[in-house]
Amino acid sequence: QMNNLNPEDTAVYYCAAAYLNHRGSYYYT
């Protein structure tokens, strides 16, 4: 959800998924 958009937000947006061998509070940047 993208609010208060500005011209600098113009881009191609990609989603990505990382397989987890063990579930946990992991996220990746």
PDB file of all heavy atoms in Angstrom:
ATOM      1  N   GLN A   1       0.859  -1.180   0.000  1.00  0.00           N
ATOM      2  CA  GLN A   1       0.000   0.000   0.000  1.00  0.00           C
ATOM      3  C   GLN A   1       0.896   1.232   0.000  1.00  0.00           C
ATOM      4  O   GLN A   1       1.710   1.398   0.917  1.00  0.00           O
ATOM      5  CB  GLN A   1      -0.899   0.000   1.233  1.00  0.00           C
ATOM      6  CG  GLN A   1      -1.745   1.262   1.384  1.00  0.00           C
ATOM      7  CD  GLN A   1      -2.806   1.385   0.322  1.00  0.00           C
ATOM      8  OE1 GLN A   1      -3.517   0.424   0.032  1.00  0.00           O
ATOM      9  NE2 GLN A   1      -2.928   2.561  -0.290  1.00  0.00           N
ATOM     10  N   MET A   2       0.731   2.075  -0.991  1.00  0.00           N
ATOM     11  CA  MET A   2       1.584   3.251  -1.138  1.00  0.00           C
ATOM     12  C   MET A   2       0.724   4.506  -1.023  1.00  0.00           C
ATOM     13  O   MET A   2      -0.200   4.702  -1.821  1.00  0.00           O
ATOM     14  CB  MET A   2       2.294   3.218  -2.490  1.00  0.00           C
ATOM     15  CG  MET A   2       3.135   1.962  -2.696  1.00  0.00           C
ATOM     16  SD  MET A   2       4.006   1.922  -4.277  1.00  0.00           S
ATOM     17  CE  MET A   2       2.625   1.665  -5.394  1.00  0.00           C
ATOM     18  N   ASN A   3       1.009   5.314  -0.021  1.00  0.00           N
ATOM     19  CA  ASN A   3       0.248   6.538   0.219  1.00  0.00           C
ATOM     20  C   ASN A   3       1.128   7.770   0.015  1.00  0.00           C
ATOM     21  O   ASN A   3       2.354   7.692   0.082  1.00  0.00           O
ATOM     22  CB  ASN A   3      -0.301   6.534   1.650  1.00  0.00           C
ATOM     23  CG  ASN A   3      -1.223   5.375   1.917  1.00  0.00           C
ATOM     24  OD1 ASN A   3      -2.007   4.971   1.055  1.00  0.00           O
ATOM     25  ND2 ASN A   3      -1.143   4.827   3.117  1.00  0.00           N
ATOM     26  N   ASN A   4       0.479   8.889  -0.221  1.00  0.00           N
ATOM     27  CA  ASN A   4       1.188  10.162  -0.385  1.00  0.00           C
ATOM     28  C   ASN A   4       2.352  10.023  -1.364  1.00  0.00           C
ATOM     29  O   ASN A   4       3.495  10.387  -1.067  1.00  0.00           O
ATOM     30  CB  ASN A   4       1.685  10.679   0.965  1.00  0.00           C
ATOM     31  CG  ASN A   4       2.141  12.117   0.914  1.00  0.00           C
ATOM     32  OD1 ASN A   4       1.742  12.877   0.031  1.00  0.00           O
ATOM     33  ND2 ASN A   4       2.990  12.495   1.854  1.00  0.00           N
ATOM     34  N   LEU A   5       2.045   9.484  -2.517  1.00  0.00           N
ATOM     35  CA  LEU A   5       3.084   9.242  -3.519  1.00  0.00           C
ATOM     36  C   LEU A   5       3.657  10.541  -4.050  1.00  0.00           C
ATOM     37  O   LEU A   5       2.960  11.562  -4.124  1.00  0.00           O
ATOM     38  CB  LEU A   5       2.504   8.410  -4.659  1.00  0.00           C
ATOM     39  CG  LEU A   5       2.289   6.924  -4.332  1.00  0.00           C
ATOM     40  CD1 LEU A   5       1.280   6.300  -5.282  1.00  0.00           C
ATOM     41  CD2 LEU A   5       3.612   6.183  -4.383  1.00  0.00           C
ATOM     42  N   ASN A   6       4.921  10.495  -4.418  1.00  0.00           N
ATOM     43  CA  ASN A   6       5.574  11.635  -5.039  1.00  0.00           C
ATOM     44  C   ASN A   6       6.329  11.168  -6.288  1.00  0.00           C
ATOM     45  O   ASN A   6       6.550   9.959  -6.462  1.00  0.00           O
ATOM     46  CB  ASN A   6       6.487  12.356  -4.048  1.00  0.00           C
ATOM     47  CG  ASN A   6       7.579  11.456  -3.498  1.00  0.00           C
ATOM     48  OD1 ASN A   6       8.424  10.985  -4.248  1.00  0.00           O
ATOM     49  ND2 ASN A   6       7.556  11.208  -2.196  1.00  0.00           N
ATOM     50  N   PRO A   7       6.714  12.088  -7.152  1.00  0.00           N
ATOM     51  CA  PRO A   7       7.368  11.679  -8.417  1.00  0.00           C
ATOM     52  C   PRO A   7       8.620  10.834  -8.210  1.00  0.00           C
ATOM     53  O   PRO A   7       8.961  10.020  -9.088  1.00  0.00           O
ATOM     54  CB  PRO A   7       7.692  13.012  -9.085  1.00  0.00           C
ATOM     55  CG  PRO A   7       6.625  13.931  -8.585  1.00  0.00           C
ATOM     56  CD  PRO A   7       6.406  13.522  -7.153  1.00  0.00           C
ATOM     57  N   GLU A   8       9.301  10.993  -7.074  1.00  0.00           N
ATOM     58  CA  GLU A   8      10.499  10.193  -6.813  1.00  0.00           C
ATOM     59  C   GLU A   8      10.180   8.715  -6.580  1.00  0.00           C
ATOM     60  O   GLU A   8      11.075   7.871  -6.542  1.00  0.00           O
ATOM     61  CB  GLU A   8      11.258  10.745  -5.607  1.00  0.00           C
ATOM     62  CG  GLU A   8      11.971  12.081  -5.843  1.00  0.00           C
ATOM     63  CD  GLU A   8      10.989  13.225  -6.014  1.00  0.00           C
ATOM     64  OE1 GLU A   8       9.967  13.259  -5.279  1.00  0.00           O
ATOM     65  OE2 GLU A   8      11.219  14.100  -6.890  1.00  0.00           O
ATOM     66  N   ASP A   9       8.893   8.392  -6.407  1.00  0.00           N
ATOM     67  CA  ASP A   9       8.475   6.998  -6.245  1.00  0.00           C
ATOM     68  C   ASP A   9       8.277   6.306  -7.595  1.00  0.00           C
ATOM     69  O   ASP A   9       7.998   5.102  -7.626  1.00  0.00           O
ATOM     70  CB  ASP A   9       7.177   6.923  -5.450  1.00  0.00           C
ATOM     71  CG  ASP A   9       7.333   7.414  -4.021  1.00  0.00           C
ATOM     72  OD1 ASP A   9       8.345   7.058  -3.379  1.00  0.00           O
ATOM     73  OD2 ASP A   9       6.446   8.156  -3.545  1.00  0.00           O
ATOM     74  N   THR A  10       8.411   7.038  -8.684  1.00  0.00           N
ATOM     75  CA  THR A  10       8.265   6.455 -10.008  1.00  0.00           C
ATOM     76  C   THR A  10       9.348   5.407 -10.240  1.00  0.00           C
ATOM     77  O   THR A  10      10.539   5.679 -10.087  1.00  0.00           O
ATOM     78  CB  THR A  10       8.365   7.543 -11.087  1.00  0.00           C
ATOM     79  OG1 THR A  10       7.236   8.422 -10.967  1.00  0.00           O
ATOM     80  CG2 THR A  10       8.382   6.937 -12.487  1.00  0.00           C
ATOM     81  N   ALA A  11       8.910   4.189 -10.588  1.00  0.00           N
ATOM     82  CA  ALA A  11       9.849   3.082 -10.748  1.00  0.00           C
ATOM     83  C   ALA A  11       9.098   1.843 -11.221  1.00  0.00           C
ATOM     84  O   ALA A  11       7.856   1.802 -11.188  1.00  0.00           O
ATOM     85  CB  ALA A  11      10.552   2.773  -9.424  1.00  0.00           C
ATOM     86  N   VAL A  12       9.856   0.834 -11.604  1.00  0.00           N
ATOM     87  CA  VAL A  12       9.301  -0.511 -11.768  1.00  0.00           C
ATOM     88  C   VAL A  12       9.427  -1.194 -10.409  1.00  0.00           C
ATOM     89  O   VAL A  12      10.513  -1.221  -9.824  1.00  0.00           O
ATOM     90  CB  VAL A  12      10.049  -1.314 -12.845  1.00  0.00           C
ATOM     91  CG1 VAL A  12       9.468  -2.720 -12.934  1.00  0.00           C
ATOM     92  CG2 VAL A  12       9.955  -0.608 -14.193  1.00  0.00           C
ATOM     93  N   TYR A  13       8.318  -1.683  -9.912  1.00  0.00           N
ATOM     94  CA  TYR A  13       8.282  -2.321  -8.593  1.00  0.00           C
ATOM     95  C   TYR A  13       8.290  -3.839  -8.763  1.00  0.00           C
ATOM     96  O   TYR A  13       7.492  -4.397  -9.532  1.00  0.00           O
ATOM     97  CB  TYR A  13       7.050  -1.875  -7.823  1.00  0.00           C
ATOM     98  CG  TYR A  13       7.210  -0.493  -7.259  1.00  0.00           C
ATOM     99  CD1 TYR A  13       7.171   0.632  -8.077  1.00  0.00           C
ATOM    100  CD2 TYR A  13       7.426  -0.285  -5.891  1.00  0.00           C
ATOM    101  CE1 TYR A  13       7.351   1.908  -7.571  1.00  0.00           C
ATOM    102  CE2 TYR A  13       7.596   0.975  -5.371  1.00  0.00           C
ATOM    103  CZ  TYR A  13       7.564   2.072  -6.218  1.00  0.00           C
ATOM    104  OH  TYR A  13       7.734   3.337  -5.695  1.00  0.00           O
ATOM    105  N   TYR A  14       9.194  -4.494  -8.022  1.00  0.00           N
ATOM    106  CA  TYR A  14       9.366  -5.938  -8.085  1.00  0.00           C
ATOM    107  C   TYR A  14       9.064  -6.563  -6.726  1.00  0.00           C
ATOM    108  O   TYR A  14       9.500  -6.037  -5.691  1.00  0.00           O
ATOM    109  CB  TYR A  14      10.798  -6.302  -8.459  1.00  0.00           C
ATOM    110  CG  TYR A  14      11.247  -5.818  -9.808  1.00  0.00           C
ATOM    111  CD1 TYR A  14      11.862  -4.580  -9.951  1.00  0.00           C
ATOM    112  CD2 TYR A  14      11.090  -6.613 -10.941  1.00  0.00           C
ATOM    113  CE1 TYR A  14      12.290  -4.130 -11.188  1.00  0.00           C
ATOM    114  CE2 TYR A  14      11.518  -6.178 -12.186  1.00  0.00           C
ATOM    115  CZ  TYR A  14      12.108  -4.938 -12.295  1.00  0.00           C
ATOM    116  OH  TYR A  14      12.534  -4.497 -13.526  1.00  0.00           O
ATOM    117  N   CYS A  15       8.372  -7.692  -6.726  1.00  0.00           N
ATOM    118  CA  CYS A  15       8.251  -8.463  -5.504  1.00  0.00           C
ATOM    119  C   CYS A  15       9.263  -9.601  -5.558  1.00  0.00           C
ATOM    120  O   CYS A  15       9.676 -10.036  -6.642  1.00  0.00           O
ATOM    121  CB  CYS A  15       6.841  -8.998  -5.301  1.00  0.00           C
ATOM    122  SG  CYS A  15       6.280 -10.193  -6.506  1.00  0.00           S
ATOM    123  N   ALA A  16       9.646 -10.074  -4.381  1.00  0.00           N
ATOM    124  CA  ALA A  16      10.650 -11.118  -4.283  1.00  0.00           C
ATOM    125  C   ALA A  16      10.337 -12.015  -3.098  1.00  0.00           C
ATOM    126  O   ALA A  16       9.716 -11.572  -2.120  1.00  0.00           O
ATOM    127  CB  ALA A  16      12.040 -10.505  -4.129  1.00  0.00           C
ATOM    128  N   ALA A  17      10.771 -13.277  -3.184  1.00  0.00           N
ATOM    129  CA  ALA A  17      10.525 -14.251  -2.125  1.00  0.00           C
ATOM    130  C   ALA A  17      11.815 -14.987  -1.800  1.00  0.00           C
ATOM    131  O   ALA A  17      12.588 -15.340  -2.707  1.00  0.00           O
ATOM    132  CB  ALA A  17       9.448 -15.248  -2.553  1.00  0.00           C
ATOM    133  N   ALA A  18      12.032 -15.202  -0.512  1.00  0.00           N
ATOM    134  CA  ALA A  18      13.216 -15.904  -0.031  1.00  0.00           C
ATOM    135  C   ALA A  18      12.783 -17.153   0.713  1.00  0.00           C
ATOM    136  O   ALA A  18      12.055 -17.054   1.719  1.00  0.00           O
ATOM    137  CB  ALA A  18      14.030 -14.997   0.878  1.00  0.00           C
ATOM    138  N   TYR A  19      13.211 -18.318   0.250  1.00  0.00           N
ATOM    139  CA  TYR A  19      12.803 -19.570   0.886  1.00  0.00           C
ATOM    140  C   TYR A  19      13.420 -19.677   2.278  1.00  0.00           C
ATOM    141  O   TYR A  19      14.592 -19.360   2.482  1.00  0.00           O
ATOM    142  CB  TYR A  19      13.233 -20.757   0.041  1.00  0.00           C
ATOM    143  CG  TYR A  19      12.795 -22.085   0.625  1.00  0.00           C
ATOM    144  CD1 TYR A  19      11.469 -22.486   0.545  1.00  0.00           C
ATOM    145  CD2 TYR A  19      13.700 -22.901   1.298  1.00  0.00           C
ATOM    146  CE1 TYR A  19      11.053 -23.678   1.099  1.00  0.00           C
ATOM    147  CE2 TYR A  19      13.294 -24.093   1.848  1.00  0.00           C
ATOM    148  CZ  TYR A  19      11.966 -24.479   1.751  1.00  0.00           C
ATOM    149  OH  TYR A  19      11.558 -25.651   2.313  1.00  0.00           O
ATOM    150  N   LEU A  20      12.616 -20.132   3.231  1.00  0.00           N
ATOM    151  CA  LEU A  20      13.065 -20.273   4.613  1.00  0.00           C
ATOM    152  C   LEU A  20      13.182 -21.741   4.991  1.00  0.00           C
ATOM    153  O   LEU A  20      12.215 -22.486   4.907  1.00  0.00           O
ATOM    154  CB  LEU A  20      12.063 -19.596   5.559  1.00  0.00           C
ATOM    155  CG  LEU A  20      11.845 -18.105   5.360  1.00  0.00           C
ATOM    156  CD1 LEU A  20      10.705 -17.623   6.244  1.00  0.00           C
ATOM    157  CD2 LEU A  20      13.128 -17.335   5.665  1.00  0.00           C
ATOM    158  N   ASN A  21      14.372 -22.150   5.401  1.00  0.00           N
ATOM    159  CA  ASN A  21      14.524 -23.513   5.916  1.00  0.00           C
ATOM    160  C   ASN A  21      13.866 -23.641   7.291  1.00  0.00           C
ATOM    161  O   ASN A  21      13.411 -24.725   7.665  1.00  0.00           O
ATOM    162  CB  ASN A  21      16.003 -23.874   6.002  1.00  0.00           C
ATOM    163  CG  ASN A  21      16.618 -24.062   4.630  1.00  0.00           C
ATOM    164  OD1 ASN A  21      16.089 -24.789   3.790  1.00  0.00           O
ATOM    165  ND2 ASN A  21      17.731 -23.390   4.380  1.00  0.00           N
ATOM    166  N   HIS A  22      13.847 -22.539   8.025  1.00  0.00           N
ATOM    167  CA  HIS A  22      13.211 -22.513   9.324  1.00  0.00           C
ATOM    168  C   HIS A  22      12.432 -21.202   9.436  1.00  0.00           C
ATOM    169  O   HIS A  22      12.975 -20.130   9.194  1.00  0.00           O
ATOM    170  CB  HIS A  22      14.248 -22.587  10.445  1.00  0.00           C
ATOM    171  CG  HIS A  22      15.123 -23.797  10.366  1.00  0.00           C
ATOM    172  ND1 HIS A  22      14.685 -25.049  10.747  1.00  0.00           N
ATOM    173  CD2 HIS A  22      16.391 -23.954   9.945  1.00  0.00           C
ATOM    174  CE1 HIS A  22      15.675 -25.918  10.564  1.00  0.00           C
ATOM    175  NE2 HIS A  22      16.708 -25.286  10.072  1.00  0.00           N
ATOM    176  N   ARG A  23      11.172 -21.309   9.794  1.00  0.00           N
ATOM    177  CA  ARG A  23      10.371 -20.109   9.973  1.00  0.00           C
ATOM    178  C   ARG A  23      10.825 -19.331  11.198  1.00  0.00           C
ATOM    179  O   ARG A  23      11.139 -19.898  12.223  1.00  0.00           O
ATOM    180  CB  ARG A  23       8.893 -20.478  10.106  1.00  0.00           C
ATOM    181  CG  ARG A  23       8.284 -20.993   8.827  1.00  0.00           C
ATOM    182  CD  ARG A  23       6.853 -21.432   9.069  1.00  0.00           C
ATOM    183  NE  ARG A  23       6.225 -21.886   7.826  1.00  0.00           N
ATOM    184  CZ  ARG A  23       5.025 -22.444   7.771  1.00  0.00           C
ATOM    185  NH1 ARG A  23       4.328 -22.613   8.892  1.00  0.00           N
ATOM    186  NH2 ARG A  23       4.519 -22.820   6.618  1.00  0.00           N
ATOM    187  N   GLY A  24      10.867 -18.025  11.073  1.00  0.00           N
ATOM    188  CA  GLY A  24      11.248 -17.155  12.166  1.00  0.00           C
ATOM    189  C   GLY A  24      10.970 -15.721  11.776  1.00  0.00           C
ATOM    190  O   GLY A  24      10.435 -15.458  10.701  1.00  0.00           O
ATOM    191  N   SER A  25      11.345 -14.817  12.626  1.00  0.00           N
ATOM    192  CA  SER A  25      11.074 -13.402  12.369  1.00  0.00           C
ATOM    193  C   SER A  25      12.115 -12.806  11.435  1.00  0.00           C
ATOM    194  O   SER A  25      12.701 -11.759  11.698  1.00  0.00           O
ATOM    195  CB  SER A  25      11.030 -12.640  13.691  1.00  0.00           C
ATOM    196  OG  SER A  25      10.042 -13.149  14.533  1.00  0.00           O
ATOM    197  N   TYR A  26      12.329 -13.519  10.319  1.00  0.00           N
ATOM    198  CA  TYR A  26      13.369 -13.063   9.398  1.00  0.00           C
ATOM    199  C   TYR A  26      12.759 -12.205   8.307  1.00  0.00           C
ATOM    200  O   TYR A  26      11.679 -12.501   7.799  1.00  0.00           O
ATOM    201  CB  TYR A  26      14.050 -14.257   8.725  1.00  0.00           C
ATOM    202  CG  TYR A  26      14.500 -15.336   9.671  1.00  0.00           C
ATOM    203  CD1 TYR A  26      14.038 -16.639   9.527  1.00  0.00           C
ATOM    204  CD2 TYR A  26      15.386 -15.061  10.701  1.00  0.00           C
ATOM    205  CE1 TYR A  26      14.440 -17.634  10.382  1.00  0.00           C
ATOM    206  CE2 TYR A  26      15.792 -16.051  11.556  1.00  0.00           C
ATOM    207  CZ  TYR A  26      15.320 -17.349  11.396  1.00  0.00           C
ATOM    208  OH  TYR A  26      15.719 -18.333  12.243  1.00  0.00           O
ATOM    209  N   TYR A  27      13.484 -11.159   7.942  1.00  0.00           N
ATOM    210  CA  TYR A  27      13.178 -10.430   6.729  1.00  0.00           C
ATOM    211  C   TYR A  27      14.507  -9.982   6.146  1.00  0.00           C
ATOM    212  O   TYR A  27      15.513  -9.908   6.853  1.00  0.00           O
ATOM    213  CB  TYR A  27      12.263  -9.232   6.984  1.00  0.00           C
ATOM    214  CG  TYR A  27      12.720  -8.301   8.080  1.00  0.00           C
ATOM    215  CD1 TYR A  27      13.745  -7.390   7.867  1.00  0.00           C
ATOM    216  CD2 TYR A  27      12.118  -8.333   9.336  1.00  0.00           C
ATOM    217  CE1 TYR A  27      14.175  -6.545   8.868  1.00  0.00           C
ATOM    218  CE2 TYR A  27      12.533  -7.487  10.335  1.00  0.00           C
ATOM    219  CZ  TYR A  27      13.572  -6.592  10.105  1.00  0.00           C
ATOM    220  OH  TYR A  27      13.980  -5.756  11.103  1.00  0.00           O
ATOM    221  N   TYR A  28      14.519  -9.727   4.876  1.00  0.00           N
ATOM    222  CA  TYR A  28      15.767  -9.471   4.180  1.00  0.00           C
ATOM    223  C   TYR A  28      15.683  -8.176   3.390  1.00  0.00           C
ATOM    224  O   TYR A  28      14.687  -7.906   2.719  1.00  0.00           O
ATOM    225  CB  TYR A  28      16.083 -10.632   3.238  1.00  0.00           C
ATOM    226  CG  TYR A  28      16.170 -11.965   3.943  1.00  0.00           C
ATOM    227  CD1 TYR A  28      15.131 -12.875   3.858  1.00  0.00           C
ATOM    228  CD2 TYR A  28      17.274 -12.291   4.704  1.00  0.00           C
ATOM    229  CE1 TYR A  28      15.194 -14.092   4.507  1.00  0.00           C
ATOM    230  CE2 TYR A  28      17.350 -13.503   5.358  1.00  0.00           C
ATOM    231  CZ  TYR A  28      16.305 -14.410   5.258  1.00  0.00           C
ATOM    232  OH  TYR A  28      16.372 -15.599   5.916  1.00  0.00           O
ATOM    233  N   THR A  29      16.757  -7.403   3.462  1.00  0.00           N
ATOM    234  CA  THR A  29      16.817  -6.149   2.720  1.00  0.00           C
ATOM    235  C   THR A  29      17.776  -6.221   1.542  1.00  0.00           C
ATOM    236  O   THR A  29      17.760  -5.339   0.686  1.00  0.00           O
ATOM    237  CB  THR A  29      17.239  -4.992   3.637  1.00  0.00           C
ATOM    238  OG1 THR A  29      18.560  -5.254   4.134  1.00  0.00           O
ATOM    239  CG2 THR A  29      16.291  -4.865   4.824  1.00  0.00           C
TER     240      THR A  29
END
